[in-house]
Amino acid sequence: QKNAQTLAVYRHQFNLYERMNAALHEP
């Protein structure tokens, strides 16, 4: 269940945001 919009709440934590974004694009 992928949802790119949910990443917005992690923008204040760069490393976490990058990890979440990477997970979004993984199978």
PDB file of all heavy atoms in Angstrom:
ATOM      1  N   GLN A   1       0.849  -1.190   0.000  1.00  0.00           N
ATOM      2  CA  GLN A   1       0.000   0.000   0.000  1.00  0.00           C
ATOM      3  C   GLN A   1       0.884   1.239   0.000  1.00  0.00           C
ATOM      4  O   GLN A   1       1.310   1.725   1.050  1.00  0.00           O
ATOM      5  CB  GLN A   1      -0.963  -0.027   1.182  1.00  0.00           C
ATOM      6  CG  GLN A   1      -2.012  -1.105   1.001  1.00  0.00           C
ATOM      7  CD  GLN A   1      -3.187  -0.989   1.952  1.00  0.00           C
ATOM      8  OE1 GLN A   1      -3.167  -0.232   2.902  1.00  0.00           O
ATOM      9  NE2 GLN A   1      -4.220  -1.771   1.703  1.00  0.00           N
ATOM     10  N   LYS A   2       1.173   1.719  -1.205  1.00  0.00           N
ATOM     11  CA  LYS A   2       2.057   2.864  -1.390  1.00  0.00           C
ATOM     12  C   LYS A   2       1.228   4.143  -1.474  1.00  0.00           C
ATOM     13  O   LYS A   2       0.164   4.167  -2.086  1.00  0.00           O
ATOM     14  CB  LYS A   2       2.880   2.696  -2.677  1.00  0.00           C
ATOM     15  CG  LYS A   2       3.676   1.397  -2.787  1.00  0.00           C
ATOM     16  CD  LYS A   2       4.844   1.375  -1.833  1.00  0.00           C
ATOM     17  CE  LYS A   2       5.705   0.141  -1.986  1.00  0.00           C
ATOM     18  NZ  LYS A   2       6.575   0.149  -3.166  1.00  0.00           N
ATOM     19  N   ASN A   3       1.749   5.187  -0.871  1.00  0.00           N
ATOM     20  CA  ASN A   3       1.074   6.480  -0.908  1.00  0.00           C
ATOM     21  C   ASN A   3       2.126   7.575  -0.725  1.00  0.00           C
ATOM     22  O   ASN A   3       2.588   7.829   0.392  1.00  0.00           O
ATOM     23  CB  ASN A   3       0.008   6.572   0.193  1.00  0.00           C
ATOM     24  CG  ASN A   3      -0.802   7.854   0.124  1.00  0.00           C
ATOM     25  OD1 ASN A   3      -0.439   8.800  -0.595  1.00  0.00           O
ATOM     26  ND2 ASN A   3      -1.903   7.910   0.848  1.00  0.00           N
ATOM     27  N   ALA A   4       2.502   8.204  -1.824  1.00  0.00           N
ATOM     28  CA  ALA A   4       3.557   9.214  -1.791  1.00  0.00           C
ATOM     29  C   ALA A   4       3.187  10.407  -0.915  1.00  0.00           C
ATOM     30  O   ALA A   4       4.070  11.049  -0.334  1.00  0.00           O
ATOM     31  CB  ALA A   4       3.854   9.681  -3.212  1.00  0.00           C
ATOM     32  N   GLN A   5       1.906  10.694  -0.788  1.00  0.00           N
ATOM     33  CA  GLN A   5       1.475  11.861  -0.008  1.00  0.00           C
ATOM     34  C   GLN A   5       1.836  11.737   1.479  1.00  0.00           C
ATOM     35  O   GLN A   5       2.040  12.742   2.161  1.00  0.00           O
ATOM     36  CB  GLN A   5      -0.035  12.062  -0.163  1.00  0.00           C
ATOM     37  CG  GLN A   5      -0.444  12.457  -1.578  1.00  0.00           C
ATOM     38  CD  GLN A   5      -1.950  12.647  -1.705  1.00  0.00           C
ATOM     39  OE1 GLN A   5      -2.718  12.202  -0.843  1.00  0.00           O
ATOM     40  NE2 GLN A   5      -2.365  13.296  -2.776  1.00  0.00           N
ATOM     41  N   THR A   6       1.938  10.512   1.970  1.00  0.00           N
ATOM     42  CA  THR A   6       2.225  10.324   3.395  1.00  0.00           C
ATOM     43  C   THR A   6       3.653  10.732   3.758  1.00  0.00           C
ATOM     44  O   THR A   6       3.971  10.904   4.944  1.00  0.00           O
ATOM     45  CB  THR A   6       2.007   8.853   3.811  1.00  0.00           C
ATOM     46  OG1 THR A   6       2.883   8.009   3.043  1.00  0.00           O
ATOM     47  CG2 THR A   6       0.573   8.426   3.565  1.00  0.00           C
ATOM     48  N   LEU A   7       4.513  10.910   2.758  1.00  0.00           N
ATOM     49  CA  LEU A   7       5.898  11.283   3.036  1.00  0.00           C
ATOM     50  C   LEU A   7       6.032  12.719   3.537  1.00  0.00           C
ATOM     51  O   LEU A   7       7.051  13.080   4.141  1.00  0.00           O
ATOM     52  CB  LEU A   7       6.761  11.116   1.779  1.00  0.00           C
ATOM     53  CG  LEU A   7       7.454   9.752   1.610  1.00  0.00           C
ATOM     54  CD1 LEU A   7       6.440   8.623   1.522  1.00  0.00           C
ATOM     55  CD2 LEU A   7       8.352   9.754   0.375  1.00  0.00           C
ATOM     56  N   ALA A   8       5.002  13.521   3.318  1.00  0.00           N
ATOM     57  CA  ALA A   8       5.075  14.945   3.669  1.00  0.00           C
ATOM     58  C   ALA A   8       5.391  15.179   5.146  1.00  0.00           C
ATOM     59  O   ALA A   8       6.107  16.130   5.487  1.00  0.00           O
ATOM     60  CB  ALA A   8       3.764  15.635   3.302  1.00  0.00           C
ATOM     61  N   VAL A   9       4.907  14.307   6.022  1.00  0.00           N
ATOM     62  CA  VAL A   9       5.106  14.529   7.462  1.00  0.00           C
ATOM     63  C   VAL A   9       6.537  14.245   7.904  1.00  0.00           C
ATOM     64  O   VAL A   9       6.899  14.501   9.053  1.00  0.00           O
ATOM     65  CB  VAL A   9       4.130  13.676   8.314  1.00  0.00           C
ATOM     66  CG1 VAL A   9       2.696  14.054   8.038  1.00  0.00           C
ATOM     67  CG2 VAL A   9       4.365  12.184   8.087  1.00  0.00           C
ATOM     68  N   TYR A  10       7.377  13.725   6.996  1.00  0.00           N
ATOM     69  CA  TYR A  10       8.760  13.407   7.357  1.00  0.00           C
ATOM     70  C   TYR A  10       9.768  14.367   6.722  1.00  0.00           C
ATOM     71  O   TYR A  10      10.975  14.164   6.842  1.00  0.00           O
ATOM     72  CB  TYR A  10       9.095  11.966   6.932  1.00  0.00           C
ATOM     73  CG  TYR A  10       8.053  10.972   7.373  1.00  0.00           C
ATOM     74  CD1 TYR A  10       7.182  10.375   6.447  1.00  0.00           C
ATOM     75  CD2 TYR A  10       7.896  10.626   8.721  1.00  0.00           C
ATOM     76  CE1 TYR A  10       6.210   9.474   6.859  1.00  0.00           C
ATOM     77  CE2 TYR A  10       6.928   9.731   9.134  1.00  0.00           C
ATOM     78  CZ  TYR A  10       6.084   9.167   8.197  1.00  0.00           C
ATOM     79  OH  TYR A  10       5.120   8.283   8.603  1.00  0.00           O
ATOM     80  N   ARG A  11       9.285  15.417   6.077  1.00  0.00           N
ATOM     81  CA  ARG A  11      10.187  16.343   5.384  1.00  0.00           C
ATOM     82  C   ARG A  11      11.167  17.035   6.324  1.00  0.00           C
ATOM     83  O   ARG A  11      12.243  17.444   5.923  1.00  0.00           O
ATOM     84  CB  ARG A  11       9.363  17.399   4.629  1.00  0.00           C
ATOM     85  CG  ARG A  11       8.768  16.879   3.331  1.00  0.00           C
ATOM     86  CD  ARG A  11       8.190  17.995   2.504  1.00  0.00           C
ATOM     87  NE  ARG A  11       7.553  17.477   1.297  1.00  0.00           N
ATOM     88  CZ  ARG A  11       6.354  17.815   0.865  1.00  0.00           C
ATOM     89  NH1 ARG A  11       5.632  18.694   1.561  1.00  0.00           N
ATOM     90  NH2 ARG A  11       5.847  17.309  -0.233  1.00  0.00           N
ATOM     91  N   HIS A  12      10.795  17.181   7.587  1.00  0.00           N
ATOM     92  CA  HIS A  12      11.674  17.869   8.534  1.00  0.00           C
ATOM     93  C   HIS A  12      12.857  17.007   8.968  1.00  0.00           C
ATOM     94  O   HIS A  12      13.767  17.484   9.644  1.00  0.00           O
ATOM     95  CB  HIS A  12      10.874  18.293   9.776  1.00  0.00           C
ATOM     96  CG  HIS A  12      10.367  17.153  10.603  1.00  0.00           C
ATOM     97  ND1 HIS A  12       9.406  16.270  10.139  1.00  0.00           N
ATOM     98  CD2 HIS A  12      10.688  16.741  11.861  1.00  0.00           C
ATOM     99  CE1 HIS A  12       9.149  15.372  11.081  1.00  0.00           C
ATOM    100  NE2 HIS A  12       9.926  15.627  12.123  1.00  0.00           N
ATOM    101  N   GLN A  13      12.837  15.703   8.594  1.00  0.00           N
ATOM    102  CA  GLN A  13      13.936  14.792   8.920  1.00  0.00           C
ATOM    103  C   GLN A  13      14.501  14.235   7.610  1.00  0.00           C
ATOM    104  O   GLN A  13      13.990  13.262   7.068  1.00  0.00           O
ATOM    105  CB  GLN A  13      13.437  13.654   9.818  1.00  0.00           C
ATOM    106  CG  GLN A  13      12.931  14.124  11.178  1.00  0.00           C
ATOM    107  CD  GLN A  13      12.255  12.999  11.946  1.00  0.00           C
ATOM    108  OE1 GLN A  13      11.093  12.673  11.679  1.00  0.00           O
ATOM    109  NE2 GLN A  13      12.964  12.411  12.894  1.00  0.00           N
ATOM    110  N   PHE A  14      15.551  14.870   7.114  1.00  0.00           N
ATOM    111  CA  PHE A  14      16.056  14.572   5.768  1.00  0.00           C
ATOM    112  C   PHE A  14      16.380  13.090   5.575  1.00  0.00           C
ATOM    113  O   PHE A  14      15.943  12.474   4.597  1.00  0.00           O
ATOM    114  CB  PHE A  14      17.294  15.418   5.463  1.00  0.00           C
ATOM    115  CG  PHE A  14      17.893  15.117   4.114  1.00  0.00           C
ATOM    116  CD1 PHE A  14      17.303  15.624   2.959  1.00  0.00           C
ATOM    117  CD2 PHE A  14      19.026  14.325   4.007  1.00  0.00           C
ATOM    118  CE1 PHE A  14      17.840  15.333   1.706  1.00  0.00           C
ATOM    119  CE2 PHE A  14      19.569  14.036   2.754  1.00  0.00           C
ATOM    120  CZ  PHE A  14      18.977  14.545   1.602  1.00  0.00           C
ATOM    121  N   ASN A  15      17.158  12.504   6.492  1.00  0.00           N
ATOM    122  CA  ASN A  15      17.565  11.097   6.333  1.00  0.00           C
ATOM    123  C   ASN A  15      16.372  10.153   6.338  1.00  0.00           C
ATOM    124  O   ASN A  15      16.310   9.194   5.559  1.00  0.00           O
ATOM    125  CB  ASN A  15      18.556  10.702   7.427  1.00  0.00           C
ATOM    126  CG  ASN A  15      19.903  11.381   7.263  1.00  0.00           C
ATOM    127  OD1 ASN A  15      20.265  11.819   6.167  1.00  0.00           O
ATOM    128  ND2 ASN A  15      20.650  11.472   8.350  1.00  0.00           N
ATOM    129  N   LEU A  16      15.414  10.435   7.223  1.00  0.00           N
ATOM    130  CA  LEU A  16      14.216   9.604   7.294  1.00  0.00           C
ATOM    131  C   LEU A  16      13.384   9.767   6.025  1.00  0.00           C
ATOM    132  O   LEU A  16      12.876   8.785   5.476  1.00  0.00           O
ATOM    133  CB  LEU A  16      13.385   9.977   8.527  1.00  0.00           C
ATOM    134  CG  LEU A  16      12.076   9.206   8.721  1.00  0.00           C
ATOM    135  CD1 LEU A  16      12.314   7.705   8.742  1.00  0.00           C
ATOM    136  CD2 LEU A  16      11.385   9.657  10.001  1.00  0.00           C
ATOM    137  N   TYR A  17      13.268  10.990   5.558  1.00  0.00           N
ATOM    138  CA  TYR A  17      12.509  11.245   4.327  1.00  0.00           C
ATOM    139  C   TYR A  17      13.119  10.473   3.157  1.00  0.00           C
ATOM    140  O   TYR A  17      12.400   9.871   2.354  1.00  0.00           O
ATOM    141  CB  TYR A  17      12.486  12.740   4.028  1.00  0.00           C
ATOM    142  CG  TYR A  17      11.680  13.100   2.799  1.00  0.00           C
ATOM    143  CD1 TYR A  17      10.303  13.295   2.883  1.00  0.00           C
ATOM    144  CD2 TYR A  17      12.288  13.243   1.549  1.00  0.00           C
ATOM    145  CE1 TYR A  17       9.551  13.606   1.768  1.00  0.00           C
ATOM    146  CE2 TYR A  17      11.551  13.549   0.418  1.00  0.00           C
ATOM    147  CZ  TYR A  17      10.175  13.741   0.541  1.00  0.00           C
ATOM    148  OH  TYR A  17       9.440  14.044  -0.582  1.00  0.00           O
ATOM    149  N   GLU A  18      14.454  10.484   3.074  1.00  0.00           N
ATOM    150  CA  GLU A  18      15.130   9.759   1.994  1.00  0.00           C
ATOM    151  C   GLU A  18      14.885   8.260   2.109  1.00  0.00           C
ATOM    152  O   GLU A  18      14.684   7.574   1.102  1.00  0.00           O
ATOM    153  CB  GLU A  18      16.636  10.051   2.034  1.00  0.00           C
ATOM    154  CG  GLU A  18      16.993  11.462   1.597  1.00  0.00           C
ATOM    155  CD  GLU A  18      16.626  11.734   0.143  1.00  0.00           C
ATOM    156  OE1 GLU A  18      17.163  11.031  -0.730  1.00  0.00           O
ATOM    157  OE2 GLU A  18      15.784  12.625  -0.106  1.00  0.00           O
ATOM    158  N   ARG A  19      14.902   7.754   3.339  1.00  0.00           N
ATOM    159  CA  ARG A  19      14.631   6.324   3.540  1.00  0.00           C
ATOM    160  C   ARG A  19      13.210   5.977   3.123  1.00  0.00           C
ATOM    161  O   ARG A  19      12.973   4.958   2.472  1.00  0.00           O
ATOM    162  CB  ARG A  19      14.845   5.970   5.017  1.00  0.00           C
ATOM    163  CG  ARG A  19      14.570   4.506   5.336  1.00  0.00           C
ATOM    164  CD  ARG A  19      14.697   4.214   6.819  1.00  0.00           C
ATOM    165  NE  ARG A  19      14.314   2.842   7.130  1.00  0.00           N
ATOM    166  CZ  ARG A  19      14.186   2.356   8.354  1.00  0.00           C
ATOM    167  NH1 ARG A  19      14.439   3.132   9.400  1.00  0.00           N
ATOM    168  NH2 ARG A  19      13.810   1.104   8.547  1.00  0.00           N
ATOM    169  N   MET A  20      12.257   6.824   3.507  1.00  0.00           N
ATOM    170  CA  MET A  20      10.856   6.583   3.142  1.00  0.00           C
ATOM    171  C   MET A  20      10.661   6.640   1.634  1.00  0.00           C
ATOM    172  O   MET A  20       9.947   5.820   1.050  1.00  0.00           O
ATOM    173  CB  MET A  20       9.962   7.624   3.821  1.00  0.00           C
ATOM    174  CG  MET A  20      10.006   7.622   5.334  1.00  0.00           C
ATOM    175  SD  MET A  20       9.320   6.139   6.065  1.00  0.00           S
ATOM    176  CE  MET A  20       7.613   6.280   5.599  1.00  0.00           C
ATOM    177  N   ASN A  21      11.308   7.597   0.998  1.00  0.00           N
ATOM    178  CA  ASN A  21      11.185   7.747  -0.449  1.00  0.00           C
ATOM    179  C   ASN A  21      11.780   6.539  -1.178  1.00  0.00           C
ATOM    180  O   ASN A  21      11.235   6.072  -2.178  1.00  0.00           O
ATOM    181  CB  ASN A  21      11.866   9.039  -0.912  1.00  0.00           C
ATOM    182  CG  ASN A  21      11.534   9.384  -2.347  1.00  0.00           C
ATOM    183  OD1 ASN A  21      10.370   9.395  -2.743  1.00  0.00           O
ATOM    184  ND2 ASN A  21      12.562   9.648  -3.134  1.00  0.00           N
ATOM    185  N   ALA A  22      12.899   6.034  -0.664  1.00  0.00           N
ATOM    186  CA  ALA A  22      13.512   4.842  -1.260  1.00  0.00           C
ATOM    187  C   ALA A  22      12.573   3.643  -1.126  1.00  0.00           C
ATOM    188  O   ALA A  22      12.393   2.870  -2.087  1.00  0.00           O
ATOM    189  CB  ALA A  22      14.850   4.552  -0.590  1.00  0.00           C
ATOM    190  N   ALA A  23      11.955   3.490   0.055  1.00  0.00           N
ATOM    191  CA  ALA A  23      11.025   2.380   0.292  1.00  0.00           C
ATOM    192  C   ALA A  23       9.808   2.473  -0.629  1.00  0.00           C
ATOM    193  O   ALA A  23       9.284   1.452  -1.080  1.00  0.00           O
ATOM    194  CB  ALA A  23      10.581   2.367   1.750  1.00  0.00           C
ATOM    195  N   LEU A  24       9.389   3.693  -0.905  1.00  0.00           N
ATOM    196  CA  LEU A  24       8.244   3.908  -1.789  1.00  0.00           C
ATOM    197  C   LEU A  24       8.514   3.331  -3.174  1.00  0.00           C
ATOM    198  O   LEU A  24       7.596   2.819  -3.836  1.00  0.00           O
ATOM    199  CB  LEU A  24       7.954   5.411  -1.899  1.00  0.00           C
ATOM    200  CG  LEU A  24       6.741   5.823  -2.733  1.00  0.00           C
ATOM    201  CD1 LEU A  24       5.444   5.468  -2.010  1.00  0.00           C
ATOM    202  CD2 LEU A  24       6.781   7.322  -3.033  1.00  0.00           C
ATOM    203  N   HIS A  25       9.765   3.376  -3.616  1.00  0.00           N
ATOM    204  CA  HIS A  25      10.124   2.949  -4.970  1.00  0.00           C
ATOM    205  C   HIS A  25      10.662   1.515  -5.031  1.00  0.00           C
ATOM    206  O   HIS A  25      11.094   1.067  -6.088  1.00  0.00           O
ATOM    207  CB  HIS A  25      11.153   3.920  -5.562  1.00  0.00           C
ATOM    208  CG  HIS A  25      10.586   5.266  -5.884  1.00  0.00           C
ATOM    209  ND1 HIS A  25      10.461   6.259  -4.932  1.00  0.00           N
ATOM    210  CD2 HIS A  25      10.080   5.777  -7.033  1.00  0.00           C
ATOM    211  CE1 HIS A  25       9.927   7.328  -5.485  1.00  0.00           C
ATOM    212  NE2 HIS A  25       9.671   7.069  -6.749  1.00  0.00           N
ATOM    213  N   GLU A  26      10.608   0.809  -3.913  1.00  0.00           N
ATOM    214  CA  GLU A  26      11.056  -0.581  -3.900  1.00  0.00           C
ATOM    215  C   GLU A  26       9.862  -1.525  -4.059  1.00  0.00           C
ATOM    216  O   GLU A  26       8.732  -1.169  -3.728  1.00  0.00           O
ATOM    217  CB  GLU A  26      11.777  -0.873  -2.571  1.00  0.00           C
ATOM    218  CG  GLU A  26      13.122  -0.175  -2.452  1.00  0.00           C
ATOM    219  CD  GLU A  26      13.704  -0.278  -1.052  1.00  0.00           C
ATOM    220  OE1 GLU A  26      13.022  -0.863  -0.176  1.00  0.00           O
ATOM    221  OE2 GLU A  26      14.806   0.239  -0.835  1.00  0.00           O
ATOM    222  N   PRO A  27      10.113  -2.734  -4.577  1.00  0.00           N
ATOM    223  CA  PRO A  27       8.993  -3.686  -4.731  1.00  0.00           C
ATOM    224  C   PRO A  27       8.454  -4.127  -3.379  1.00  0.00           C
ATOM    225  O   PRO A  27       9.215  -4.331  -2.426  1.00  0.00           O
ATOM    226  CB  PRO A  27       9.634  -4.864  -5.478  1.00  0.00           C
ATOM    227  CG  PRO A  27      11.095  -4.759  -5.181  1.00  0.00           C
ATOM    228  CD  PRO A  27      11.380  -3.295  -5.063  1.00  0.00           C
TER     229      PRO A  27
END
